[in-house]
Structures are given as structure tokens and as C-alpha cells.
Amino acid sequence: MANLSVQMVICFTFACFLLLAPRNEAIECQDVVKYLVPCMSYLRGTGGPVPGACCSGVRGLNEAASTTPDRRTACVCIKKYSGEITGLNPNLVGSLPESCGVHLPFVPSPNTDCSRVP
């Protein structure tokens, strides 16, 4: 009986470690949208200075999408939503990262092949 109790404690402890272990969660479209919401009025405009909150979001998205799969997901989400949101200025969308001092390995554009994003 004592042997069974020890095994149960070990199994329980192992299960707790699995549940509490940090996860490497991938970025999702809702995350991309959250980061870029502060940019919407700027991206619908004609230019001018980029709002600080927008650049903070761009930098946050760049940090969050640090792996190739995450960058590809972000690319797909940006393509999807930029085609669905009316009134976006495609030139501002494409130049937004550079305007915020962020280097991306792809240009946000409806024509970007997201499967080629490194």
C-alpha cells in the first residue's frame, strides 16, 4: 500500500510540473490585431507623424513574433485584415515598421508571400 502511495505522489508531482511548465505559445491573429489597433486611424490617413502608441504596438508585435512561425502567422493576419478593413492606405501599411524604426524581414502588403517570410 505504501508503494502505491509513493507512486501516486510521484505521478501527481510530475503532472503538476507539466501543468505549470512555461509554454511556448504561438502568436495568434487576435494578438496581432491587439498590437496594431492603435495604428488604425494613422493607417487610414494621409501620413504625418506616427502616433507613439502605434509604434509601441509595432515594436511589441515585432518582439512577440520572434520565431519564423510567429512571423508567418503575423504576416498572414496582416494580409487578411488589411484586405478586410476599408480605407487603409497601402503605402502607410507597407512603410509603418520603418516609420517606427522596426526592421521586419518582410514588407506588410497584400502581395507578400507569407510562406517565404524567414
C-alpha atoms as a PDB file:
ATOM      1  CA  MET A   1       0.000   0.000   0.000  1.00  0.00           C
ATOM      2  CA  ALA A   2       2.843   2.422   0.846  1.00  0.00           C
ATOM      3  CA  ASN A   3       4.440   1.709  -2.530  1.00  0.00           C
ATOM      4  CA  LEU A   4       1.201   2.704  -4.289  1.00  0.00           C
ATOM      5  CA  SER A   5       1.046   5.959  -2.312  1.00  0.00           C
ATOM      6  CA  VAL A   6       4.611   6.846  -3.286  1.00  0.00           C
ATOM      7  CA  GLN A   7       3.812   6.174  -6.953  1.00  0.00           C
ATOM      8  CA  MET A   8       0.704   8.355  -6.748  1.00  0.00           C
ATOM      9  CA  VAL A   9       2.670  11.206  -5.170  1.00  0.00           C
ATOM     10  CA  ILE A  10       5.328  10.940  -7.883  1.00  0.00           C
ATOM     11  CA  CYS A  11       2.670  10.917 -10.638  1.00  0.00           C
ATOM     12  CA  PHE A  12       0.875  13.866  -9.065  1.00  0.00           C
ATOM     13  CA  THR A  13       4.121  15.824  -8.763  1.00  0.00           C
ATOM     14  CA  PHE A  14       5.050  15.065 -12.372  1.00  0.00           C
ATOM     15  CA  ALA A  15       1.575  16.159 -13.547  1.00  0.00           C
ATOM     16  CA  CYS A  16       1.944  19.436 -11.641  1.00  0.00           C
ATOM     17  CA  PHE A  17       5.289  20.108 -13.307  1.00  0.00           C
ATOM     18  CA  LEU A  18       3.731  19.529 -16.715  1.00  0.00           C
ATOM     19  CA  LEU A  19       0.826  21.859 -15.979  1.00  0.00           C
ATOM     20  CA  LEU A  20       2.995  24.594 -14.511  1.00  0.00           C
ATOM     21  CA  ALA A  21       5.794  24.438 -17.079  1.00  0.00           C
ATOM     22  CA  PRO A  22       6.108  27.557 -19.223  1.00  0.00           C
ATOM     23  CA  ARG A  23       4.555  27.137 -22.635  1.00  0.00           C
ATOM     24  CA  ASN A  24       5.889  28.384 -25.908  1.00  0.00           C
ATOM     25  CA  GLU A  25       2.602  29.692 -27.189  1.00  0.00           C
ATOM     26  CA  ALA A  26       2.428  30.850 -30.766  1.00  0.00           C
ATOM     27  CA  ILE A  27       1.125  34.251 -31.715  1.00  0.00           C
ATOM     28  CA  GLU A  28      -2.450  34.392 -32.960  1.00  0.00           C
ATOM     29  CA  CYS A  29      -4.346  36.858 -35.144  1.00  0.00           C
ATOM     30  CA  GLN A  30      -6.091  38.335 -32.112  1.00  0.00           C
ATOM     31  CA  ASP A  31      -2.644  39.232 -30.725  1.00  0.00           C
ATOM     32  CA  VAL A  32      -1.633  40.890 -33.994  1.00  0.00           C
ATOM     33  CA  VAL A  33      -4.836  42.920 -34.008  1.00  0.00           C
ATOM     34  CA  LYS A  34      -4.325  43.945 -30.374  1.00  0.00           C
ATOM     35  CA  TYR A  35      -0.859  45.294 -31.159  1.00  0.00           C
ATOM     36  CA  LEU A  36      -1.979  47.173 -34.271  1.00  0.00           C
ATOM     37  CA  VAL A  37      -5.307  48.681 -33.136  1.00  0.00           C
ATOM     38  CA  PRO A  38      -3.587  51.952 -32.086  1.00  0.00           C
ATOM     39  CA  CYS A  39      -2.442  52.337 -35.711  1.00  0.00           C
ATOM     40  CA  MET A  40      -5.833  52.223 -37.415  1.00  0.00           C
ATOM     41  CA  SER A  41      -6.538  55.960 -37.671  1.00  0.00           C
ATOM     42  CA  TYR A  42      -2.989  56.639 -38.827  1.00  0.00           C
ATOM     43  CA  LEU A  43      -3.202  53.895 -41.476  1.00  0.00           C
ATOM     44  CA  ARG A  44      -6.462  55.364 -42.778  1.00  0.00           C
ATOM     45  CA  GLY A  45      -4.939  58.823 -43.072  1.00  0.00           C
ATOM     46  CA  THR A  46      -2.574  60.509 -45.457  1.00  0.00           C
ATOM     47  CA  GLY A  47       0.600  60.372 -43.428  1.00  0.00           C
ATOM     48  CA  GLY A  48       2.181  62.617 -40.870  1.00  0.00           C
ATOM     49  CA  PRO A  49       3.773  61.571 -37.617  1.00  0.00           C
ATOM     50  CA  VAL A  50       3.038  58.046 -36.438  1.00  0.00           C
ATOM     51  CA  PRO A  51       1.344  58.066 -33.009  1.00  0.00           C
ATOM     52  CA  GLY A  52       3.555  56.834 -30.179  1.00  0.00           C
ATOM     53  CA  ALA A  53       1.018  54.185 -29.140  1.00  0.00           C
ATOM     54  CA  CYS A  54       1.061  52.825 -32.684  1.00  0.00           C
ATOM     55  CA  CYS A  55       4.855  52.477 -32.715  1.00  0.00           C
ATOM     56  CA  SER A  56       4.727  50.855 -29.290  1.00  0.00           C
ATOM     57  CA  GLY A  57       2.323  48.306 -30.733  1.00  0.00           C
ATOM     58  CA  VAL A  58       4.530  47.708 -33.770  1.00  0.00           C
ATOM     59  CA  ARG A  59       7.554  47.176 -31.513  1.00  0.00           C
ATOM     60  CA  GLY A  60       5.540  44.877 -29.247  1.00  0.00           C
ATOM     61  CA  LEU A  61       4.365  42.822 -32.198  1.00  0.00           C
ATOM     62  CA  ASN A  62       7.906  42.568 -33.526  1.00  0.00           C
ATOM     63  CA  GLU A  63       9.116  41.285 -30.154  1.00  0.00           C
ATOM     64  CA  ALA A  64       6.203  38.863 -29.804  1.00  0.00           C
ATOM     65  CA  ALA A  65       6.703  37.447 -33.302  1.00  0.00           C
ATOM     66  CA  SER A  66      10.293  36.386 -32.743  1.00  0.00           C
ATOM     67  CA  THR A  67      10.184  32.997 -34.485  1.00  0.00           C
ATOM     68  CA  THR A  68       9.652  32.147 -38.138  1.00  0.00           C
ATOM     69  CA  PRO A  69       6.241  30.525 -37.497  1.00  0.00           C
ATOM     70  CA  ASP A  70       5.124  33.560 -35.484  1.00  0.00           C
ATOM     71  CA  ARG A  71       6.327  35.992 -38.174  1.00  0.00           C
ATOM     72  CA  ARG A  72       4.500  33.977 -40.833  1.00  0.00           C
ATOM     73  CA  THR A  73       1.329  33.993 -38.739  1.00  0.00           C
ATOM     74  CA  ALA A  74       1.634  37.756 -38.216  1.00  0.00           C
ATOM     75  CA  CYS A  75       2.144  38.198 -41.963  1.00  0.00           C
ATOM     76  CA  VAL A  76      -0.971  36.156 -42.791  1.00  0.00           C
ATOM     77  CA  CYS A  77      -3.031  38.073 -40.232  1.00  0.00           C
ATOM     78  CA  ILE A  78      -1.846  41.454 -41.523  1.00  0.00           C
ATOM     79  CA  LYS A  79      -2.665  40.423 -45.100  1.00  0.00           C
ATOM     80  CA  LYS A  80      -6.076  39.132 -44.074  1.00  0.00           C
ATOM     81  CA  TYR A  81      -7.123  42.159 -42.068  1.00  0.00           C
ATOM     82  CA  SER A  82      -5.606  44.748 -44.385  1.00  0.00           C
ATOM     83  CA  GLY A  83      -7.856  43.329 -47.110  1.00  0.00           C
ATOM     84  CA  GLU A  84     -10.929  43.445 -44.872  1.00  0.00           C
ATOM     85  CA  ILE A  85     -10.524  46.898 -43.304  1.00  0.00           C
ATOM     86  CA  THR A  86     -11.749  49.646 -45.586  1.00  0.00           C
ATOM     87  CA  GLY A  87      -9.887  52.866 -46.113  1.00  0.00           C
ATOM     88  CA  LEU A  88      -6.373  51.681 -45.294  1.00  0.00           C
ATOM     89  CA  ASN A  89      -3.592  53.473 -47.137  1.00  0.00           C
ATOM     90  CA  PRO A  90      -1.422  50.627 -48.525  1.00  0.00           C
ATOM     91  CA  ASN A  91       1.655  52.875 -48.665  1.00  0.00           C
ATOM     92  CA  LEU A  92       1.340  53.664 -44.968  1.00  0.00           C
ATOM     93  CA  VAL A  93       0.753  49.992 -44.124  1.00  0.00           C
ATOM     94  CA  GLY A  94       3.917  48.978 -46.018  1.00  0.00           C
ATOM     95  CA  SER A  95       6.080  51.698 -44.516  1.00  0.00           C
ATOM     96  CA  LEU A  96       4.750  51.506 -40.948  1.00  0.00           C
ATOM     97  CA  PRO A  97       7.508  49.296 -39.499  1.00  0.00           C
ATOM     98  CA  GLU A  98      10.253  51.513 -40.950  1.00  0.00           C
ATOM     99  CA  SER A  99       8.427  54.651 -39.767  1.00  0.00           C
ATOM    100  CA  CYS A 100       8.525  53.192 -36.251  1.00  0.00           C
ATOM    101  CA  GLY A 101      12.209  52.204 -36.522  1.00  0.00           C
ATOM    102  CA  VAL A 102      11.436  48.488 -36.679  1.00  0.00           C
ATOM    103  CA  HIS A 103      13.086  46.153 -39.161  1.00  0.00           C
ATOM    104  CA  LEU A 104      10.866  43.347 -40.415  1.00  0.00           C
ATOM    105  CA  PRO A 105      12.055  40.554 -42.694  1.00  0.00           C
ATOM    106  CA  PHE A 106       9.015  41.227 -44.921  1.00  0.00           C
ATOM    107  CA  VAL A 107       7.001  44.171 -46.186  1.00  0.00           C
ATOM    108  CA  PRO A 108       3.407  44.199 -44.931  1.00  0.00           C
ATOM    109  CA  SER A 109       1.482  44.094 -48.184  1.00  0.00           C
ATOM    110  CA  PRO A 110      -1.433  42.219 -49.748  1.00  0.00           C
ATOM    111  CA  ASN A 111       1.109  40.811 -52.219  1.00  0.00           C
ATOM    112  CA  THR A 112       3.561  39.387 -49.683  1.00  0.00           C
ATOM    113  CA  ASP A 113       4.105  35.631 -49.886  1.00  0.00           C
ATOM    114  CA  CYS A 114       3.927  34.832 -46.180  1.00  0.00           C
ATOM    115  CA  SER A 115       5.239  31.299 -46.733  1.00  0.00           C
ATOM    116  CA  ARG A 116       8.594  32.876 -47.670  1.00  0.00           C
ATOM    117  CA  VAL A 117       8.895  35.001 -44.513  1.00  0.00           C
ATOM    118  CA  PRO A 118      12.039  33.910 -42.653  1.00  0.00           C
END
